[in-house]
C-alpha atoms as a PDB file:
ATOM      1  CA  UNK A   1      62.558 -16.208  59.601  1.00  0.00           C
ATOM      2  CA  UNK A   2      64.386 -17.458  56.551  1.00  0.00           C
ATOM      3  CA  UNK A   3      67.550 -16.335  54.845  1.00  0.00           C
ATOM      4  CA  UNK A   4      68.561 -15.988  51.227  1.00  0.00           C
ATOM      5  CA  UNK A   5      72.178 -16.628  50.246  1.00  0.00           C
ATOM      6  CA  UNK A   6      73.265 -15.260  46.874  1.00  0.00           C
ATOM      7  CA  UNK A   7      76.000 -17.474  45.477  1.00  0.00           C
ATOM      8  CA  UNK A   8      75.725 -16.871  41.770  1.00  0.00           C
ATOM      9  CA  UNK A   9      78.028 -15.095  39.352  1.00  0.00           C
ATOM     10  CA  UNK A  10      81.381 -16.004  37.882  1.00  0.00           C
ATOM     11  CA  UNK A  11      84.894 -14.874  38.796  1.00  0.00           C
ATOM     12  CA  UNK A  12      87.907 -15.498  36.571  1.00  0.00           C
ATOM     13  CA  UNK A  13      90.200 -16.174  39.498  1.00  0.00           C
ATOM     14  CA  UNK A  14      87.799 -18.820  40.880  1.00  0.00           C
ATOM     15  CA  UNK A  15      88.589 -21.073  37.893  1.00  0.00           C
ATOM     16  CA  UNK A  16      92.025 -21.638  39.392  1.00  0.00           C
ATOM     17  CA  UNK A  17      90.206 -23.709  42.013  1.00  0.00           C
ATOM     18  CA  UNK A  18      88.134 -25.631  39.516  1.00  0.00           C
ATOM     19  CA  UNK A  19      84.891 -23.668  40.098  1.00  0.00           C
ATOM     20  CA  UNK A  20      83.139 -20.782  38.435  1.00  0.00           C
ATOM     21  CA  UNK A  21      81.663 -18.940  41.373  1.00  0.00           C
ATOM     22  CA  UNK A  22      83.812 -17.589  44.193  1.00  0.00           C
ATOM     23  CA  UNK A  23      81.146 -18.877  46.577  1.00  0.00           C
ATOM     24  CA  UNK A  24      82.611 -22.348  45.970  1.00  0.00           C
ATOM     25  CA  UNK A  25      86.277 -21.379  46.308  1.00  0.00           C
ATOM     26  CA  UNK A  26      87.746 -23.207  49.306  1.00  0.00           C
ATOM     27  CA  UNK A  27      88.501 -21.169  52.440  1.00  0.00           C
ATOM     28  CA  UNK A  28      90.134 -23.063  55.305  1.00  0.00           C
ATOM     29  CA  UNK A  29      89.119 -26.377  53.812  1.00  0.00           C
ATOM     30  CA  UNK A  30      85.488 -25.558  52.947  1.00  0.00           C
ATOM     31  CA  UNK A  31      83.710 -23.664  50.164  1.00  0.00           C
ATOM     32  CA  UNK A  32      83.135 -20.094  51.297  1.00  0.00           C
ATOM     33  CA  UNK A  33      79.378 -20.542  50.991  1.00  0.00           C
ATOM     34  CA  UNK A  34      79.423 -23.315  53.604  1.00  0.00           C
ATOM     35  CA  UNK A  35      80.762 -20.939  56.252  1.00  0.00           C
ATOM     36  CA  UNK A  36      77.854 -18.611  55.545  1.00  0.00           C
ATOM     37  CA  UNK A  37      75.316 -21.436  55.562  1.00  0.00           C
ATOM     38  CA  UNK A  38      76.696 -22.734  58.876  1.00  0.00           C
ATOM     39  CA  UNK A  39      76.468 -19.289  60.558  1.00  0.00           C
ATOM     40  CA  UNK A  40      72.905 -18.819  59.425  1.00  0.00           C
ATOM     41  CA  UNK A  41      71.836 -22.303  60.489  1.00  0.00           C
ATOM     42  CA  UNK A  42      73.408 -21.882  63.942  1.00  0.00           C
ATOM     43  CA  UNK A  43      71.530 -18.577  64.226  1.00  0.00           C
ATOM     44  CA  UNK A  44      68.291 -20.538  63.689  1.00  0.00           C
ATOM     45  CA  UNK A  45      67.560 -19.661  60.041  1.00  0.00           C
ATOM     46  CA  UNK A  46      66.708 -21.919  57.128  1.00  0.00           C
ATOM     47  CA  UNK A  47      68.150 -20.897  53.781  1.00  0.00           C
ATOM     48  CA  UNK A  48      67.149 -20.489  50.154  1.00  0.00           C
ATOM     49  CA  UNK A  49      70.415 -20.661  48.180  1.00  0.00           C
ATOM     50  CA  UNK A  50      70.863 -19.254  44.706  1.00  0.00           C
ATOM     51  CA  UNK A  51      73.766 -20.614  42.658  1.00  0.00           C
ATOM     52  CA  UNK A  52      75.517 -23.842  41.902  1.00  0.00           C
ATOM     53  CA  UNK A  53      75.217 -26.360  44.712  1.00  0.00           C
ATOM     54  CA  UNK A  54      77.614 -29.312  44.441  1.00  0.00           C
ATOM     55  CA  UNK A  55      76.451 -30.708  47.791  1.00  0.00           C
ATOM     56  CA  UNK A  56      76.966 -27.870  50.211  1.00  0.00           C
ATOM     57  CA  UNK A  57      76.874 -28.733  53.924  1.00  0.00           C
ATOM     58  CA  UNK A  58      74.760 -27.726  55.768  1.00  0.00           C
ATOM     59  CA  UNK A  59      72.350 -28.080  52.931  1.00  0.00           C
ATOM     60  CA  UNK A  60      69.939 -25.199  52.210  1.00  0.00           C
ATOM     61  CA  UNK A  61      66.217 -25.786  52.312  1.00  0.00           C
ATOM     62  CA  UNK A  62      66.019 -24.994  48.615  1.00  0.00           C
ATOM     63  CA  UNK A  63      68.549 -24.319  45.847  1.00  0.00           C
ATOM     64  CA  UNK A  64      67.726 -22.164  42.839  1.00  0.00           C
ATOM     65  CA  UNK A  65      69.765 -21.762  39.642  1.00  0.00           C
ATOM     66  CA  UNK A  66      71.751 -18.643  38.967  1.00  0.00           C
ATOM     67  CA  UNK A  67      69.714 -16.247  36.782  1.00  0.00           C
ATOM     68  CA  UNK A  68      72.731 -14.182  35.826  1.00  0.00           C
ATOM     69  CA  UNK A  69      72.146 -11.018  37.836  1.00  0.00           C
ATOM     70  CA  UNK A  70      72.041 -10.088  41.486  1.00  0.00           C
ATOM     71  CA  UNK A  71      68.537  -8.617  41.381  1.00  0.00           C
ATOM     72  CA  UNK A  72      67.293 -11.485  39.199  1.00  0.00           C
ATOM     73  CA  UNK A  73      68.555 -13.976  41.742  1.00  0.00           C
ATOM     74  CA  UNK A  74      67.060 -11.999  44.601  1.00  0.00           C
ATOM     75  CA  UNK A  75      63.666 -11.805  42.901  1.00  0.00           C
ATOM     76  CA  UNK A  76      63.654 -15.538  42.282  1.00  0.00           C
ATOM     77  CA  UNK A  77      64.536 -16.275  45.906  1.00  0.00           C
ATOM     78  CA  UNK A  78      61.970 -13.854  47.301  1.00  0.00           C
ATOM     79  CA  UNK A  79      59.244 -15.782  45.518  1.00  0.00           C
ATOM     80  CA  UNK A  80      60.111 -18.728  47.789  1.00  0.00           C
ATOM     81  CA  UNK A  81      59.890 -16.944  51.174  1.00  0.00           C
ATOM     82  CA  UNK A  82      57.387 -14.941  53.164  1.00  0.00           C
ATOM     83  CA  UNK A  83      57.570 -11.888  55.422  1.00  0.00           C
ATOM     84  CA  UNK A  84      60.895 -10.609  56.628  1.00  0.00           C
ATOM     85  CA  UNK A  85      64.014 -12.224  55.238  1.00  0.00           C
ATOM     86  CA  UNK A  86      67.770 -11.874  55.779  1.00  0.00           C
ATOM     87  CA  UNK A  87      69.759 -11.650  52.551  1.00  0.00           C
ATOM     88  CA  UNK A  88      73.479 -12.523  52.558  1.00  0.00           C
ATOM     89  CA  UNK A  89      76.128 -12.907  49.913  1.00  0.00           C
ATOM     90  CA  UNK A  90      78.022 -16.203  49.861  1.00  0.00           C
ATOM     91  CA  UNK A  91      81.451 -14.589  49.979  1.00  0.00           C
ATOM     92  CA  UNK A  92      81.565 -13.626  53.699  1.00  0.00           C
ATOM     93  CA  UNK A  93      83.229 -16.728  55.221  1.00  0.00           C
ATOM     94  CA  UNK A  94      84.021 -14.888  58.469  1.00  0.00           C
ATOM     95  CA  UNK A  95      80.310 -14.577  59.314  1.00  0.00           C
ATOM     96  CA  UNK A  96      79.398 -15.815  62.795  1.00  0.00           C
ATOM     97  CA  UNK A  97      76.056 -16.789  64.375  1.00  0.00           C
ATOM     98  CA  UNK A  98      76.599 -14.006  66.958  1.00  0.00           C
ATOM     99  CA  UNK A  99      76.848 -11.397  64.222  1.00  0.00           C
ATOM    100  CA  UNK A 100      73.710 -12.720  62.548  1.00  0.00           C
ATOM    101  CA  UNK A 101      71.774 -12.712  65.821  1.00  0.00           C
ATOM    102  CA  UNK A 102      72.906  -9.169  66.567  1.00  0.00           C
ATOM    103  CA  UNK A 103      71.480  -7.936  63.289  1.00  0.00           C
ATOM    104  CA  UNK A 104      68.213  -9.786  63.778  1.00  0.00           C
ATOM    105  CA  UNK A 105      67.749  -8.663  67.362  1.00  0.00           C
ATOM    106  CA  UNK A 106      68.742  -5.024  66.915  1.00  0.00           C
ATOM    107  CA  UNK A 107      67.198  -4.276  63.547  1.00  0.00           C
ATOM    108  CA  UNK A 108      64.598  -1.511  63.528  1.00  0.00           C
ATOM    109  CA  UNK A 109      61.244  -1.940  61.832  1.00  0.00           C
ATOM    110  CA  UNK A 110      61.750  -0.959  58.188  1.00  0.00           C
ATOM    111  CA  UNK A 111      61.284  -2.344  54.712  1.00  0.00           C
ATOM    112  CA  UNK A 112      65.062  -2.409  54.369  1.00  0.00           C
ATOM    113  CA  UNK A 113      67.690  -2.543  57.087  1.00  0.00           C
ATOM    114  CA  UNK A 114      71.307  -2.222  56.039  1.00  0.00           C
ATOM    115  CA  UNK A 115      74.096  -3.037  58.549  1.00  0.00           C
ATOM    116  CA  UNK A 116      77.114  -0.695  58.502  1.00  0.00           C
ATOM    117  CA  UNK A 117      80.353  -1.333  60.377  1.00  0.00           C
ATOM    118  CA  UNK A 118      82.672   1.281  61.955  1.00  0.00           C
ATOM    119  CA  UNK A 119      86.102   1.468  60.328  1.00  0.00           C
ATOM    120  CA  UNK A 120      87.839   0.952  63.661  1.00  0.00           C
ATOM    121  CA  UNK A 121      86.007  -2.344  64.193  1.00  0.00           C
ATOM    122  CA  UNK A 122      87.083  -3.614  60.754  1.00  0.00           C
ATOM    123  CA  UNK A 123      90.727  -2.580  61.205  1.00  0.00           C
ATOM    124  CA  UNK A 124      90.912  -4.102  64.690  1.00  0.00           C
ATOM    125  CA  UNK A 125      89.704  -7.524  63.440  1.00  0.00           C
ATOM    126  CA  UNK A 126      91.036  -7.444  59.845  1.00  0.00           C
ATOM    127  CA  UNK A 127      93.971  -4.997  59.820  1.00  0.00           C
ATOM    128  CA  UNK A 128      95.137  -5.924  56.300  1.00  0.00           C
ATOM    129  CA  UNK A 129      91.791  -5.893  54.522  1.00  0.00           C
ATOM    130  CA  UNK A 130      90.930  -3.221  51.977  1.00  0.00           C
ATOM    131  CA  UNK A 131      87.440  -1.769  52.230  1.00  0.00           C
ATOM    132  CA  UNK A 132      85.571   1.220  50.852  1.00  0.00           C
ATOM    133  CA  UNK A 133      84.502   3.628  53.582  1.00  0.00           C
ATOM    134  CA  UNK A 134      82.166   6.574  53.858  1.00  0.00           C
ATOM    135  CA  UNK A 135      82.732   9.342  56.352  1.00  0.00           C
ATOM    136  CA  UNK A 136      79.496  10.522  57.969  1.00  0.00           C
ATOM    137  CA  UNK A 137      78.845  12.790  60.929  1.00  0.00           C
ATOM    138  CA  UNK A 138      78.498   9.756  63.140  1.00  0.00           C
ATOM    139  CA  UNK A 139      81.806   8.201  62.068  1.00  0.00           C
ATOM    140  CA  UNK A 140      83.488   6.312  59.236  1.00  0.00           C
ATOM    141  CA  UNK A 141      81.711   3.171  58.048  1.00  0.00           C
ATOM    142  CA  UNK A 142      81.810   0.368  55.502  1.00  0.00           C
ATOM    143  CA  UNK A 143      78.701  -1.376  54.246  1.00  0.00           C
ATOM    144  CA  UNK A 144      77.689  -4.850  55.251  1.00  0.00           C
ATOM    145  CA  UNK A 145      76.991  -7.912  53.091  1.00  0.00           C
ATOM    146  CA  UNK A 146      73.748  -8.621  54.920  1.00  0.00           C
ATOM    147  CA  UNK A 147      70.431  -6.897  54.277  1.00  0.00           C
ATOM    148  CA  UNK A 148      67.179  -7.393  56.105  1.00  0.00           C
ATOM    149  CA  UNK A 149      64.154  -7.065  53.837  1.00  0.00           C
ATOM    150  CA  UNK A 150      60.413  -6.998  54.270  1.00  0.00           C
ATOM    151  CA  UNK A 151      59.358  -8.929  51.192  1.00  0.00           C
ATOM    152  CA  UNK A 152      56.048  -7.168  50.607  1.00  0.00           C
ATOM    153  CA  UNK A 153      57.393  -3.659  51.009  1.00  0.00           C
ATOM    154  CA  UNK A 154      60.593  -4.379  49.112  1.00  0.00           C
ATOM    155  CA  UNK A 155      58.670  -5.170  45.950  1.00  0.00           C
ATOM    156  CA  UNK A 156      57.502  -1.529  45.963  1.00  0.00           C
ATOM    157  CA  UNK A 157      61.141  -0.431  45.798  1.00  0.00           C
ATOM    158  CA  UNK A 158      62.273  -2.996  43.236  1.00  0.00           C
ATOM    159  CA  UNK A 159      61.760  -0.857  40.103  1.00  0.00           C
ATOM    160  CA  UNK A 160      63.918   1.885  41.599  1.00  0.00           C
ATOM    161  CA  UNK A 161      66.505  -0.649  42.779  1.00  0.00           C
ATOM    162  CA  UNK A 162      66.766  -1.928  39.206  1.00  0.00           C
ATOM    163  CA  UNK A 163      67.240   1.622  37.967  1.00  0.00           C
ATOM    164  CA  UNK A 164      70.046   2.221  40.488  1.00  0.00           C
ATOM    165  CA  UNK A 165      71.808  -0.963  39.402  1.00  0.00           C
ATOM    166  CA  UNK A 166      71.431  -0.002  35.737  1.00  0.00           C
ATOM    167  CA  UNK A 167      73.027   3.395  36.456  1.00  0.00           C
ATOM    168  CA  UNK A 168      75.914   2.087  38.554  1.00  0.00           C
ATOM    169  CA  UNK A 169      78.394   2.718  35.749  1.00  0.00           C
ATOM    170  CA  UNK A 170      76.948   6.150  34.905  1.00  0.00           C
ATOM    171  CA  UNK A 171      78.048   8.275  37.847  1.00  0.00           C
ATOM    172  CA  UNK A 172      76.465  11.523  36.659  1.00  0.00           C
ATOM    173  CA  UNK A 173      73.054   9.969  36.112  1.00  0.00           C
ATOM    174  CA  UNK A 174      73.320   8.147  39.443  1.00  0.00           C
ATOM    175  CA  UNK A 175      74.297  11.374  41.143  1.00  0.00           C
ATOM    176  CA  UNK A 176      71.209  13.106  39.765  1.00  0.00           C
ATOM    177  CA  UNK A 177      69.018  10.242  41.077  1.00  0.00           C
ATOM    178  CA  UNK A 178      70.543  10.343  44.577  1.00  0.00           C
ATOM    179  CA  UNK A 179      70.792  14.120  44.703  1.00  0.00           C
ATOM    180  CA  UNK A 180      73.800  16.380  44.331  1.00  0.00           C
ATOM    181  CA  UNK A 181      73.096  17.952  47.737  1.00  0.00           C
ATOM    182  CA  UNK A 182      73.487  14.570  49.426  1.00  0.00           C
ATOM    183  CA  UNK A 183      76.658  13.767  47.479  1.00  0.00           C
ATOM    184  CA  UNK A 184      78.189  17.133  48.303  1.00  0.00           C
ATOM    185  CA  UNK A 185      77.523  16.665  52.007  1.00  0.00           C
ATOM    186  CA  UNK A 186      79.037  13.207  51.790  1.00  0.00           C
ATOM    187  CA  UNK A 187      82.166  14.553  50.132  1.00  0.00           C
ATOM    188  CA  UNK A 188      82.466  17.224  52.847  1.00  0.00           C
ATOM    189  CA  UNK A 189      81.855  14.646  55.643  1.00  0.00           C
ATOM    190  CA  UNK A 190      78.757  16.585  56.705  1.00  0.00           C
ATOM    191  CA  UNK A 191      76.136  13.955  55.870  1.00  0.00           C
ATOM    192  CA  UNK A 192      74.328  12.351  58.796  1.00  0.00           C
ATOM    193  CA  UNK A 193      72.681   8.938  58.969  1.00  0.00           C
ATOM    194  CA  UNK A 194      69.162  10.411  59.358  1.00  0.00           C
ATOM    195  CA  UNK A 195      69.682  12.502  56.215  1.00  0.00           C
ATOM    196  CA  UNK A 196      70.921   9.456  54.316  1.00  0.00           C
ATOM    197  CA  UNK A 197      67.957   7.366  55.502  1.00  0.00           C
ATOM    198  CA  UNK A 198      65.553  10.153  54.568  1.00  0.00           C
ATOM    199  CA  UNK A 199      66.903  10.357  51.034  1.00  0.00           C
ATOM    200  CA  UNK A 200      66.752   6.573  50.649  1.00  0.00           C
ATOM    201  CA  UNK A 201      63.141   6.665  51.801  1.00  0.00           C
ATOM    202  CA  UNK A 202      62.343   9.414  49.281  1.00  0.00           C
ATOM    203  CA  UNK A 203      64.026   7.549  46.415  1.00  0.00           C
ATOM    204  CA  UNK A 204      62.765   4.041  47.157  1.00  0.00           C
ATOM    205  CA  UNK A 205      59.364   4.970  48.533  1.00  0.00           C
ATOM    206  CA  UNK A 206      59.757   2.736  51.588  1.00  0.00           C
ATOM    207  CA  UNK A 207      61.342   3.043  55.027  1.00  0.00           C
ATOM    208  CA  UNK A 208      65.053   2.282  54.929  1.00  0.00           C
ATOM    209  CA  UNK A 209      67.280   2.202  58.021  1.00  0.00           C
ATOM    210  CA  UNK A 210      70.998   1.716  58.702  1.00  0.00           C
ATOM    211  CA  UNK A 211      72.087  -0.447  61.602  1.00  0.00           C
ATOM    212  CA  UNK A 212      75.497   0.315  63.126  1.00  0.00           C
ATOM    213  CA  UNK A 213      76.968  -3.118  63.763  1.00  0.00           C
ATOM    214  CA  UNK A 214      80.097  -3.867  65.842  1.00  0.00           C
ATOM    215  CA  UNK A 215      80.722  -7.165  64.050  1.00  0.00           C
ATOM    216  CA  UNK A 216      83.105  -6.598  61.098  1.00  0.00           C
ATOM    217  CA  UNK A 217      82.405 -10.129  59.902  1.00  0.00           C
ATOM    218  CA  UNK A 218      79.234  -8.850  58.208  1.00  0.00           C
ATOM    219  CA  UNK A 219      81.180  -6.322  56.173  1.00  0.00           C
ATOM    220  CA  UNK A 220      84.340  -8.150  55.103  1.00  0.00           C
ATOM    221  CA  UNK A 221      83.920 -10.200  51.957  1.00  0.00           C
ATOM    222  CA  UNK A 222      86.427 -11.973  49.749  1.00  0.00           C
ATOM    223  CA  UNK A 223      86.732 -10.117  46.462  1.00  0.00           C
ATOM    224  CA  UNK A 224      90.270 -11.117  45.522  1.00  0.00           C
ATOM    225  CA  UNK A 225      92.294 -14.301  45.788  1.00  0.00           C
ATOM    226  CA  UNK A 226      94.846 -12.715  48.145  1.00  0.00           C
ATOM    227  CA  UNK A 227      92.040 -12.129  50.686  1.00  0.00           C
ATOM    228  CA  UNK A 228      91.662 -15.874  51.161  1.00  0.00           C
ATOM    229  CA  UNK A 229      94.544 -15.759  53.652  1.00  0.00           C
ATOM    230  CA  UNK A 230      92.737 -13.303  55.953  1.00  0.00           C
END
């Protein structure tokens, strides 16, 4: 299996470190992206990297230029791989090979597998981090920065994924797409994982599954400069 690492985009605060992308901002002496590349390599994966590559080590199998959007970068990278692929963002420097292997070994068969991390696991390992959580019947979770995709099946869902991204700043339109019943249950903490997976399947047209993951390293990214000290 191969992995895709998305290291594109620009962050104003990254310029303080002489780079445009936060993927290249130094964390404990190395660009953040290198920590991700190392974890994936140690887990036995080769990598297609999207973004500026000034000589990252370990080196990815292939580097592609930033196309300016997350889905554009993902599409370009998917053209270079086959079958099932693990997609990671380049801003999760805490990622470990053990966490990667857990996701790969425990992932159910689905076109899309999305790891979610219990709040208590995040707070035990990263007590000062700020994350967005959702309260479901099964517990309180934050989303991961890894996604396992079946390339062939994912292409079926791509038009809808683009629509969701386009609506991300239009909450009412996005709510109508997802379903007000689901959103109401979420607000009342009555939504279950099977219900959420069922709605994702109905919207995307492919099987989508969540994977409860005890490794908070997959869900804690670096969004702000102050998080570099974590």
